[in-house]
Amino acid sequence: MPAIVGAVQVISVSSSGVFHIGDVYKIMPVSTSKTFSGAGSFNTGDSVTNYNSRSSTNTFDQDGLDQGILFNA
């Protein structure tokens, strides 16, 4: 189904970002990353209240290898 798009202004796209307009068949990532953060780290909003009395983040990864992006073609 064709897409009809009006005016678009792009300020910036990061080096690993994807920008597309309209129909798309496949979008494949070209990089991966792993993020460790504590409780309530990514909360956003006008009025966010967190009650984290004891928080710890386990960064030990025993398998050492995560799902790859090798076969995304």
C-alpha atoms as a PDB file:
ATOM      1  CA  MET A   1       0.000   0.000   0.000  1.00  0.00           C
ATOM      2  CA  PRO A   2       1.613   3.298  -0.984  1.00  0.00           C
ATOM      3  CA  ALA A   3       2.263   5.913   1.648  1.00  0.00           C
ATOM      4  CA  ILE A   4       1.545   9.614   1.200  1.00  0.00           C
ATOM      5  CA  VAL A   5       3.878  11.718   3.327  1.00  0.00           C
ATOM      6  CA  GLY A   6       3.791  15.467   3.818  1.00  0.00           C
ATOM      7  CA  ALA A   7       6.675  17.741   4.760  1.00  0.00           C
ATOM      8  CA  VAL A   8       9.441  16.140   6.829  1.00  0.00           C
ATOM      9  CA  GLN A   9      12.282  17.846   8.674  1.00  0.00           C
ATOM     10  CA  VAL A  10      15.166  15.671   9.906  1.00  0.00           C
ATOM     11  CA  ILE A  11      17.488  17.338  12.392  1.00  0.00           C
ATOM     12  CA  SER A  12      19.875  14.436  12.878  1.00  0.00           C
ATOM     13  CA  VAL A  13      20.152  10.676  12.598  1.00  0.00           C
ATOM     14  CA  SER A  14      22.759   8.864  14.683  1.00  0.00           C
ATOM     15  CA  SER A  15      25.391   6.677  13.075  1.00  0.00           C
ATOM     16  CA  SER A  16      23.463   3.497  13.907  1.00  0.00           C
ATOM     17  CA  GLY A  17      19.989   4.980  13.457  1.00  0.00           C
ATOM     18  CA  VAL A  18      17.421   4.159  10.798  1.00  0.00           C
ATOM     19  CA  PHE A  19      15.233   6.737   9.072  1.00  0.00           C
ATOM     20  CA  HIS A  20      12.591   5.658   6.598  1.00  0.00           C
ATOM     21  CA  ILE A  21       9.477   7.192   5.138  1.00  0.00           C
ATOM     22  CA  GLY A  22       6.673   5.171   3.657  1.00  0.00           C
ATOM     23  CA  ASP A  23       6.540   1.482   2.963  1.00  0.00           C
ATOM     24  CA  VAL A  24       9.403  -0.736   3.967  1.00  0.00           C
ATOM     25  CA  TYR A  25      10.060  -4.429   3.390  1.00  0.00           C
ATOM     26  CA  LYS A  26      12.862  -5.057   5.850  1.00  0.00           C
ATOM     27  CA  ILE A  27      14.945  -2.951   8.254  1.00  0.00           C
ATOM     28  CA  MET A  28      18.072  -4.670   9.548  1.00  0.00           C
ATOM     29  CA  PRO A  29      20.231  -3.530  12.465  1.00  0.00           C
ATOM     30  CA  VAL A  30      23.923  -3.136  11.753  1.00  0.00           C
ATOM     31  CA  SER A  31      25.078  -2.872  15.358  1.00  0.00           C
ATOM     32  CA  THR A  32      24.117  -4.146  18.791  1.00  0.00           C
ATOM     33  CA  SER A  33      24.807  -3.082  22.348  1.00  0.00           C
ATOM     34  CA  LYS A  34      24.035  -4.195  25.871  1.00  0.00           C
ATOM     35  CA  THR A  35      22.950  -1.709  28.510  1.00  0.00           C
ATOM     36  CA  PHE A  36      23.057  -2.221  32.259  1.00  0.00           C
ATOM     37  CA  SER A  37      21.239   0.231  34.501  1.00  0.00           C
ATOM     38  CA  GLY A  38      19.725   0.332  37.962  1.00  0.00           C
ATOM     39  CA  ALA A  39      16.115   0.489  39.029  1.00  0.00           C
ATOM     40  CA  GLY A  40      14.290   3.564  37.743  1.00  0.00           C
ATOM     41  CA  SER A  41      17.103   4.680  35.436  1.00  0.00           C
ATOM     42  CA  PHE A  42      15.080   5.189  32.270  1.00  0.00           C
ATOM     43  CA  ASN A  43      11.969   6.764  33.784  1.00  0.00           C
ATOM     44  CA  THR A  44      10.873   9.955  32.041  1.00  0.00           C
ATOM     45  CA  GLY A  45       7.966  12.265  32.603  1.00  0.00           C
ATOM     46  CA  ASP A  46       6.804  15.416  34.299  1.00  0.00           C
ATOM     47  CA  SER A  47       6.435  13.985  37.803  1.00  0.00           C
ATOM     48  CA  VAL A  48       8.290  10.715  38.440  1.00  0.00           C
ATOM     49  CA  THR A  49       8.737   9.420  41.979  1.00  0.00           C
ATOM     50  CA  ASN A  50      10.855   6.329  42.647  1.00  0.00           C
ATOM     51  CA  TYR A  51      11.213   4.491  45.920  1.00  0.00           C
ATOM     52  CA  ASN A  52      14.178   2.160  45.533  1.00  0.00           C
ATOM     53  CA  SER A  53      15.434   1.405  49.002  1.00  0.00           C
ATOM     54  CA  ARG A  54      18.026  -1.187  47.940  1.00  0.00           C
ATOM     55  CA  SER A  55      18.889  -1.625  44.307  1.00  0.00           C
ATOM     56  CA  SER A  56      21.718  -3.486  42.638  1.00  0.00           C
ATOM     57  CA  THR A  57      22.362  -4.297  39.000  1.00  0.00           C
ATOM     58  CA  ASN A  58      23.812  -7.669  38.106  1.00  0.00           C
ATOM     59  CA  THR A  59      26.183  -7.224  35.153  1.00  0.00           C
ATOM     60  CA  PHE A  60      27.496 -10.803  35.135  1.00  0.00           C
ATOM     61  CA  ASP A  61      26.730 -12.495  31.823  1.00  0.00           C
ATOM     62  CA  GLN A  62      27.607 -16.173  32.101  1.00  0.00           C
ATOM     63  CA  ASP A  63      26.909 -17.175  28.492  1.00  0.00           C
ATOM     64  CA  GLY A  64      29.267 -14.525  27.094  1.00  0.00           C
ATOM     65  CA  LEU A  65      27.581 -14.526  23.678  1.00  0.00           C
ATOM     66  CA  ASP A  66      24.216 -13.034  22.827  1.00  0.00           C
ATOM     67  CA  GLN A  67      22.029 -13.368  19.780  1.00  0.00           C
ATOM     68  CA  GLY A  68      23.921 -12.105  16.762  1.00  0.00           C
ATOM     69  CA  ILE A  69      22.815 -10.026  13.806  1.00  0.00           C
ATOM     70  CA  LEU A  70      24.832 -12.027  11.296  1.00  0.00           C
ATOM     71  CA  PHE A  71      21.921 -13.642   9.443  1.00  0.00           C
ATOM     72  CA  ASN A  72      19.662 -10.588   9.077  1.00  0.00           C
ATOM     73  CA  ALA A  73      20.065 -10.492   5.302  1.00  0.00           C
END
